[in-house]
PDB file of N, CA and C in Angstrom:
ATOM      1  N   UNK A   1     -34.590-183.334 147.719  1.00  0.00           N
ATOM      2  CA  UNK A   1     -35.006-181.966 147.492  1.00  0.00           C
ATOM      3  C   UNK A   1     -36.472-181.857 147.914  1.00  0.00           C
ATOM      4  N   UNK A   2     -36.754-180.924 148.814  1.00  0.00           N
ATOM      5  CA  UNK A   2     -38.126-180.822 149.281  1.00  0.00           C
ATOM      6  C   UNK A   2     -38.928-179.833 148.431  1.00  0.00           C
ATOM      7  N   UNK A   3     -40.219-179.772 148.707  1.00  0.00           N
ATOM      8  CA  UNK A   3     -41.132-178.956 147.906  1.00  0.00           C
ATOM      9  C   UNK A   3     -40.782-177.475 147.979  1.00  0.00           C
ATOM     10  N   UNK A   4     -40.331-177.002 149.131  1.00  0.00           N
ATOM     11  CA  UNK A   4     -39.977-175.586 149.284  1.00  0.00           C
ATOM     12  C   UNK A   4     -38.815-175.210 148.364  1.00  0.00           C
ATOM     13  N   UNK A   5     -37.827-176.077 148.248  1.00  0.00           N
ATOM     14  CA  UNK A   5     -36.688-175.795 147.374  1.00  0.00           C
ATOM     15  C   UNK A   5     -37.105-175.767 145.906  1.00  0.00           C
ATOM     16  N   UNK A   6     -38.001-176.669 145.537  1.00  0.00           N
ATOM     17  CA  UNK A   6     -38.478-176.708 144.151  1.00  0.00           C
ATOM     18  C   UNK A   6     -39.257-175.440 143.827  1.00  0.00           C
ATOM     19  N   UNK A   7     -40.136-175.026 144.732  1.00  0.00           N
ATOM     20  CA  UNK A   7     -40.912-173.800 144.512  1.00  0.00           C
ATOM     21  C   UNK A   7     -39.982-172.595 144.417  1.00  0.00           C
ATOM     22  N   UNK A   8     -38.991-172.523 145.273  1.00  0.00           N
ATOM     23  CA  UNK A   8     -38.034-171.415 145.218  1.00  0.00           C
ATOM     24  C   UNK A   8     -37.275-171.408 143.898  1.00  0.00           C
ATOM     25  N   UNK A   9     -36.875-172.587 143.421  1.00  0.00           N
ATOM     26  CA  UNK A   9     -36.129-172.673 142.177  1.00  0.00           C
ATOM     27  C   UNK A   9     -36.975-172.193 140.994  1.00  0.00           C
ATOM     28  N   UNK A  10     -38.219-172.652 140.930  1.00  0.00           N
ATOM     29  CA  UNK A  10     -39.108-172.245 139.843  1.00  0.00           C
ATOM     30  C   UNK A  10     -39.404-170.753 139.930  1.00  0.00           C
ATOM     31  N   UNK A  11     -39.627-170.249 141.125  1.00  0.00           N
ATOM     32  CA  UNK A  11     -39.900-168.822 141.311  1.00  0.00           C
ATOM     33  C   UNK A  11     -38.714-167.989 140.854  1.00  0.00           C
ATOM     34  N   UNK A  12     -37.509-168.408 141.205  1.00  0.00           N
ATOM     35  CA  UNK A  12     -36.308-167.678 140.782  1.00  0.00           C
ATOM     36  C   UNK A  12     -36.179-167.639 139.266  1.00  0.00           C
ATOM     37  N   UNK A  13     -36.510-168.731 138.608  1.00  0.00           N
ATOM     38  CA  UNK A  13     -36.433-168.779 137.140  1.00  0.00           C
ATOM     39  C   UNK A  13     -37.357-167.734 136.535  1.00  0.00           C
ATOM     40  N   UNK A  14     -38.617-167.687 137.002  1.00  0.00           N
ATOM     41  CA  UNK A  14     -39.568-166.727 136.445  1.00  0.00           C
ATOM     42  C   UNK A  14     -39.202-165.294 136.783  1.00  0.00           C
ATOM     43  N   UNK A  15     -38.733-165.053 137.989  1.00  0.00           N
ATOM     44  CA  UNK A  15     -38.332-163.694 138.361  1.00  0.00           C
ATOM     45  C   UNK A  15     -37.141-163.258 137.521  1.00  0.00           C
ATOM     46  N   UNK A  16     -36.169-164.142 137.297  1.00  0.00           N
ATOM     47  CA  UNK A  16     -35.005-163.805 136.487  1.00  0.00           C
ATOM     48  C   UNK A  16     -35.418-163.460 135.061  1.00  0.00           C
ATOM     49  N   UNK A  17     -36.338-164.272 134.484  1.00  0.00           N
ATOM     50  CA  UNK A  17     -36.805-163.990 133.133  1.00  0.00           C
ATOM     51  C   UNK A  17     -37.533-162.650 133.077  1.00  0.00           C
ATOM     52  N   UNK A  18     -38.331-162.349 134.087  1.00  0.00           N
ATOM     53  CA  UNK A  18     -39.059-161.078 134.121  1.00  0.00           C
ATOM     54  C   UNK A  18     -38.130-159.882 134.262  1.00  0.00           C
ATOM     55  N   UNK A  19     -37.152-159.996 135.120  1.00  0.00           N
ATOM     56  CA  UNK A  19     -36.201-158.899 135.315  1.00  0.00           C
ATOM     57  C   UNK A  19     -35.378-158.687 134.054  1.00  0.00           C
ATOM     58  N   UNK A  20     -34.907-159.762 133.435  1.00  0.00           N
ATOM     59  CA  UNK A  20     -34.142-159.628 132.194  1.00  0.00           C
ATOM     60  C   UNK A  20     -34.980-158.996 131.095  1.00  0.00           C
ATOM     61  N   UNK A  21     -36.259-159.377 131.001  1.00  0.00           N
ATOM     62  CA  UNK A  21     -37.149-158.788 130.011  1.00  0.00           C
ATOM     63  C   UNK A  21     -37.296-157.286 130.258  1.00  0.00           C
ATOM     64  N   UNK A  22     -37.479-156.903 131.510  1.00  0.00           N
ATOM     65  CA  UNK A  22     -37.631-155.490 131.850  1.00  0.00           C
ATOM     66  C   UNK A  22     -36.366-154.692 131.554  1.00  0.00           C
ATOM     67  N   UNK A  23     -35.226-155.245 131.863  1.00  0.00           N
ATOM     68  CA  UNK A  23     -33.964-154.550 131.602  1.00  0.00           C
ATOM     69  C   UNK A  23     -33.770-154.375 130.102  1.00  0.00           C
ATOM     70  N   UNK A  24     -34.065-155.410 129.335  1.00  0.00           N
ATOM     71  CA  UNK A  24     -33.925-155.313 127.883  1.00  0.00           C
ATOM     72  C   UNK A  24     -34.858-154.252 127.313  1.00  0.00           C
ATOM     73  N   UNK A  25     -36.103-154.231 127.755  1.00  0.00           N
ATOM     74  CA  UNK A  25     -37.055-153.237 127.269  1.00  0.00           C
ATOM     75  C   UNK A  25     -36.616-151.830 127.660  1.00  0.00           C
ATOM     76  N   UNK A  26     -36.101-151.667 128.868  1.00  0.00           N
ATOM     77  CA  UNK A  26     -35.660-150.348 129.320  1.00  0.00           C
ATOM     78  C   UNK A  26     -34.467-149.842 128.535  1.00  0.00           C
ATOM     79  N   UNK A  27     -33.499-150.700 128.292  1.00  0.00           N
ATOM     80  CA  UNK A  27     -32.329-150.261 127.529  1.00  0.00           C
ATOM     81  C   UNK A  27     -32.711-149.969 126.087  1.00  0.00           C
ATOM     82  N   UNK A  28     -33.603-150.767 125.513  1.00  0.00           N
ATOM     83  CA  UNK A  28     -34.060-150.483 124.147  1.00  0.00           C
ATOM     84  C   UNK A  28     -34.787-149.141 124.088  1.00  0.00           C
ATOM     85  N   UNK A  29     -35.585-148.839 125.100  1.00  0.00           N
ATOM     86  CA  UNK A  29     -36.305-147.571 125.118  1.00  0.00           C
ATOM     87  C   UNK A  29     -35.334-146.403 125.212  1.00  0.00           C
ATOM     88  N   UNK A  30     -34.287-146.542 125.997  1.00  0.00           N
ATOM     89  CA  UNK A  30     -33.305-145.460 126.133  1.00  0.00           C
ATOM     90  C   UNK A  30     -32.517-145.291 124.843  1.00  0.00           C
ATOM     91  N   UNK A  31     -32.126-146.399 124.230  1.00  0.00           N
ATOM     92  CA  UNK A  31     -31.321-146.330 123.007  1.00  0.00           C
ATOM     93  C   UNK A  31     -32.123-145.719 121.864  1.00  0.00           C
ATOM     94  N   UNK A  32     -33.391-146.075 121.747  1.00  0.00           N
ATOM     95  CA  UNK A  32     -34.200-145.623 120.618  1.00  0.00           C
ATOM     96  C   UNK A  32     -35.015-144.371 120.929  1.00  0.00           C
ATOM     97  N   UNK A  33     -34.757-143.723 122.030  1.00  0.00           N
ATOM     98  CA  UNK A  33     -35.536-142.554 122.421  1.00  0.00           C
ATOM     99  C   UNK A  33     -35.289-141.409 121.433  1.00  0.00           C
ATOM    100  N   UNK A  34     -36.355-140.856 120.887  1.00  0.00           N
ATOM    101  CA  UNK A  34     -36.260-139.705 120.012  1.00  0.00           C
ATOM    102  C   UNK A  34     -35.844-140.023 118.594  1.00  0.00           C
ATOM    103  N   UNK A  35     -35.708-141.284 118.250  1.00  0.00           N
ATOM    104  CA  UNK A  35     -35.295-141.653 116.900  1.00  0.00           C
ATOM    105  C   UNK A  35     -36.470-142.285 116.178  1.00  0.00           C
ATOM    106  N   UNK A  36     -36.618-141.949 114.933  1.00  0.00           N
ATOM    107  CA  UNK A  36     -37.649-142.591 114.139  1.00  0.00           C
ATOM    108  C   UNK A  36     -37.014-143.760 113.397  1.00  0.00           C
ATOM    109  N   UNK A  37     -37.716-144.876 113.323  1.00  0.00           N
ATOM    110  CA  UNK A  37     -37.143-146.012 112.604  1.00  0.00           C
ATOM    111  C   UNK A  37     -37.102-145.710 111.108  1.00  0.00           C
ATOM    112  N   UNK A  38     -35.931-145.694 110.555  1.00  0.00           N
ATOM    113  CA  UNK A  38     -35.766-145.404 109.138  1.00  0.00           C
ATOM    114  C   UNK A  38     -34.862-146.458 108.510  1.00  0.00           C
ATOM    115  N   UNK A  39     -34.978-146.588 107.224  1.00  0.00           N
ATOM    116  CA  UNK A  39     -34.127-147.536 106.510  1.00  0.00           C
ATOM    117  C   UNK A  39     -32.693-147.016 106.509  1.00  0.00           C
ATOM    118  N   UNK A  40     -31.726-147.899 106.675  1.00  0.00           N
ATOM    119  CA  UNK A  40     -30.332-147.447 106.679  1.00  0.00           C
ATOM    120  C   UNK A  40     -29.921-146.942 105.300  1.00  0.00           C
ATOM    121  N   UNK A  41     -29.045-145.980 105.300  1.00  0.00           N
ATOM    122  CA  UNK A  41     -28.532-145.435 104.042  1.00  0.00           C
ATOM    123  C   UNK A  41     -27.534-146.421 103.441  1.00  0.00           C
ATOM    124  N   UNK A  42     -27.230-146.287 102.169  1.00  0.00           N
ATOM    125  CA  UNK A  42     -26.230-147.186 101.565  1.00  0.00           C
ATOM    126  C   UNK A  42     -24.874-147.110 102.269  1.00  0.00           C
ATOM    127  N   UNK A  43     -24.515-145.938 102.764  1.00  0.00           N
ATOM    128  CA  UNK A  43     -23.245-145.819 103.482  1.00  0.00           C
ATOM    129  C   UNK A  43     -23.279-146.617 104.778  1.00  0.00           C
ATOM    130  N   UNK A  44     -24.425-146.574 105.472  1.00  0.00           N
ATOM    131  CA  UNK A  44     -24.554-147.344 106.712  1.00  0.00           C
ATOM    132  C   UNK A  44     -24.531-148.837 106.419  1.00  0.00           C
ATOM    133  N   UNK A  45     -25.163-149.238 105.307  1.00  0.00           N
ATOM    134  CA  UNK A  45     -25.128-150.649 104.918  1.00  0.00           C
ATOM    135  C   UNK A  45     -23.697-151.109 104.656  1.00  0.00           C
ATOM    136  N   UNK A  46     -22.940-150.274 103.944  1.00  0.00           N
ATOM    137  CA  UNK A  46     -21.553-150.627 103.644  1.00  0.00           C
ATOM    138  C   UNK A  46     -20.718-150.720 104.913  1.00  0.00           C
ATOM    139  N   UNK A  47     -20.950-149.793 105.841  1.00  0.00           N
ATOM    140  CA  UNK A  47     -20.202-149.808 107.097  1.00  0.00           C
ATOM    141  C   UNK A  47     -20.550-151.050 107.907  1.00  0.00           C
ATOM    142  N   UNK A  48     -21.832-151.425 107.946  1.00  0.00           N
ATOM    143  CA  UNK A  48     -22.250-152.622 108.677  1.00  0.00           C
ATOM    144  C   UNK A  48     -21.647-153.869 108.054  1.00  0.00           C
ATOM    145  N   UNK A  49     -21.616-153.918 106.725  1.00  0.00           N
ATOM    146  CA  UNK A  49     -21.027-155.063 106.032  1.00  0.00           C
ATOM    147  C   UNK A  49     -19.542-155.171 106.337  1.00  0.00           C
ATOM    148  N   UNK A  50     -18.867-154.034 106.346  1.00  0.00           N
ATOM    149  CA  UNK A  50     -17.442-154.025 106.648  1.00  0.00           C
ATOM    150  C   UNK A  50     -17.186-154.475 108.086  1.00  0.00           C
ATOM    151  N   UNK A  51     -18.029-154.052 109.010  1.00  0.00           N
ATOM    152  CA  UNK A  51     -17.873-154.455 110.409  1.00  0.00           C
ATOM    153  C   UNK A  51     -18.080-155.961 110.559  1.00  0.00           C
ATOM    154  N   UNK A  52     -19.060-156.508 109.831  1.00  0.00           N
ATOM    155  CA  UNK A  52     -19.273-157.961 109.892  1.00  0.00           C
ATOM    156  C   UNK A  52     -18.071-158.713 109.341  1.00  0.00           C
ATOM    157  N   UNK A  53     -17.496-158.210 108.259  1.00  0.00           N
ATOM    158  CA  UNK A  53     -16.314-158.856 107.687  1.00  0.00           C
ATOM    159  C   UNK A  53     -15.136-158.828 108.652  1.00  0.00           C
ATOM    160  N   UNK A  54     -14.941-157.700 109.312  1.00  0.00           N
ATOM    161  CA  UNK A  54     -13.840-157.577 110.282  1.00  0.00           C
ATOM    162  C   UNK A  54     -14.056-158.536 111.447  1.00  0.00           C
ATOM    163  N   UNK A  55     -15.300-158.627 111.927  1.00  0.00           N
ATOM    164  CA  UNK A  55     -15.597-159.536 113.034  1.00  0.00           C
ATOM    165  C   UNK A  55     -15.362-160.983 112.624  1.00  0.00           C
ATOM    166  N   UNK A  56     -15.731-161.306 111.399  1.00  0.00           N
ATOM    167  CA  UNK A  56     -15.532-162.676 110.902  1.00  0.00           C
ATOM    168  C   UNK A  56     -14.049-163.008 110.837  1.00  0.00           C
ATOM    169  N   UNK A  57     -13.234-162.061 110.339  1.00  0.00           N
ATOM    170  CA  UNK A  57     -11.791-162.297 110.278  1.00  0.00           C
ATOM    171  C   UNK A  57     -11.202-162.435 111.676  1.00  0.00           C
ATOM    172  N   UNK A  58     -11.701-161.652 112.634  1.00  0.00           N
ATOM    173  CA  UNK A  58     -11.193-161.736 114.004  1.00  0.00           C
ATOM    174  C   UNK A  58     -11.529-163.095 114.612  1.00  0.00           C
ATOM    175  N   UNK A  59     -12.739-163.587 114.354  1.00  0.00           N
ATOM    176  CA  UNK A  59     -13.109-164.913 114.865  1.00  0.00           C
ATOM    177  C   UNK A  59     -12.224-165.990 114.252  1.00  0.00           C
ATOM    178  N   UNK A  60     -11.960-165.895 112.953  1.00  0.00           N
ATOM    179  CA  UNK A  60     -11.101-166.885 112.300  1.00  0.00           C
ATOM    180  C   UNK A  60      -9.678-166.826 112.835  1.00  0.00           C
ATOM    181  N   UNK A  61      -9.182-165.610 113.101  1.00  0.00           N
ATOM    182  CA  UNK A  61      -7.830-165.478 113.644  1.00  0.00           C
ATOM    183  C   UNK A  61      -7.761-166.078 115.045  1.00  0.00           C
ATOM    184  N   UNK A  62      -8.791-165.843 115.854  1.00  0.00           N
ATOM    185  CA  UNK A  62      -8.808-166.412 117.197  1.00  0.00           C
ATOM    186  C   UNK A  62      -8.861-167.934 117.134  1.00  0.00           C
ATOM    187  N   UNK A  63      -9.647-168.454 116.210  1.00  0.00           N
ATOM    188  CA  UNK A  63      -9.744-169.906 116.048  1.00  0.00           C
ATOM    189  C   UNK A  63      -8.400-170.489 115.621  1.00  0.00           C
ATOM    190  N   UNK A  64      -7.734-169.821 114.696  1.00  0.00           N
ATOM    191  CA  UNK A  64      -6.436-170.284 114.238  1.00  0.00           C
ATOM    192  C   UNK A  64      -5.416-170.242 115.364  1.00  0.00           C
ATOM    193  N   UNK A  65      -5.454-169.188 116.177  1.00  0.00           N
ATOM    194  CA  UNK A  65      -4.537-169.049 117.314  1.00  0.00           C
ATOM    195  C   UNK A  65      -4.759-170.186 118.321  1.00  0.00           C
ATOM    196  N   UNK A  66      -6.017-170.498 118.586  1.00  0.00           N
ATOM    197  CA  UNK A  66      -6.298-171.605 119.506  1.00  0.00           C
ATOM    198  C   UNK A  66      -5.794-172.924 118.936  1.00  0.00           C
ATOM    199  N   UNK A  67      -5.979-173.100 117.642  1.00  0.00           N
ATOM    200  CA  UNK A  67      -5.544-174.337 117.006  1.00  0.00           C
ATOM    201  C   UNK A  67      -4.030-174.477 117.058  1.00  0.00           C
ATOM    202  N   UNK A  68      -3.321-173.378 116.824  1.00  0.00           N
ATOM    203  CA  UNK A  68      -1.861-173.409 116.864  1.00  0.00           C
ATOM    204  C   UNK A  68      -1.359-173.668 118.277  1.00  0.00           C
ATOM    205  N   UNK A  69      -2.073-173.141 119.275  1.00  0.00           N
ATOM    206  CA  UNK A  69      -1.651-173.264 120.663  1.00  0.00           C
ATOM    207  C   UNK A  69      -1.782-174.658 121.232  1.00  0.00           C
ATOM    208  N   UNK A  70      -2.450-175.545 120.533  1.00  0.00           N
ATOM    209  CA  UNK A  70      -2.646-176.912 121.060  1.00  0.00           C
ATOM    210  C   UNK A  70      -1.379-177.711 121.017  1.00  0.00           C
TER     211      UNK A  70
END
């Protein structure tokens, strides 16, 4: 591997990190545009908790399905 390939590889890594950072910041700005950061209501907390429980059950079901399929 010559020096030019190494420089290109390192440059690509930094450019990729920079582009990903910019995309993340841009999408966050669009999502949060016009909204004030406020504490979630108890109903929102309950809904988030329920969503986490459903996701956990789905992961366990997928794991069980993979285990059975072996």
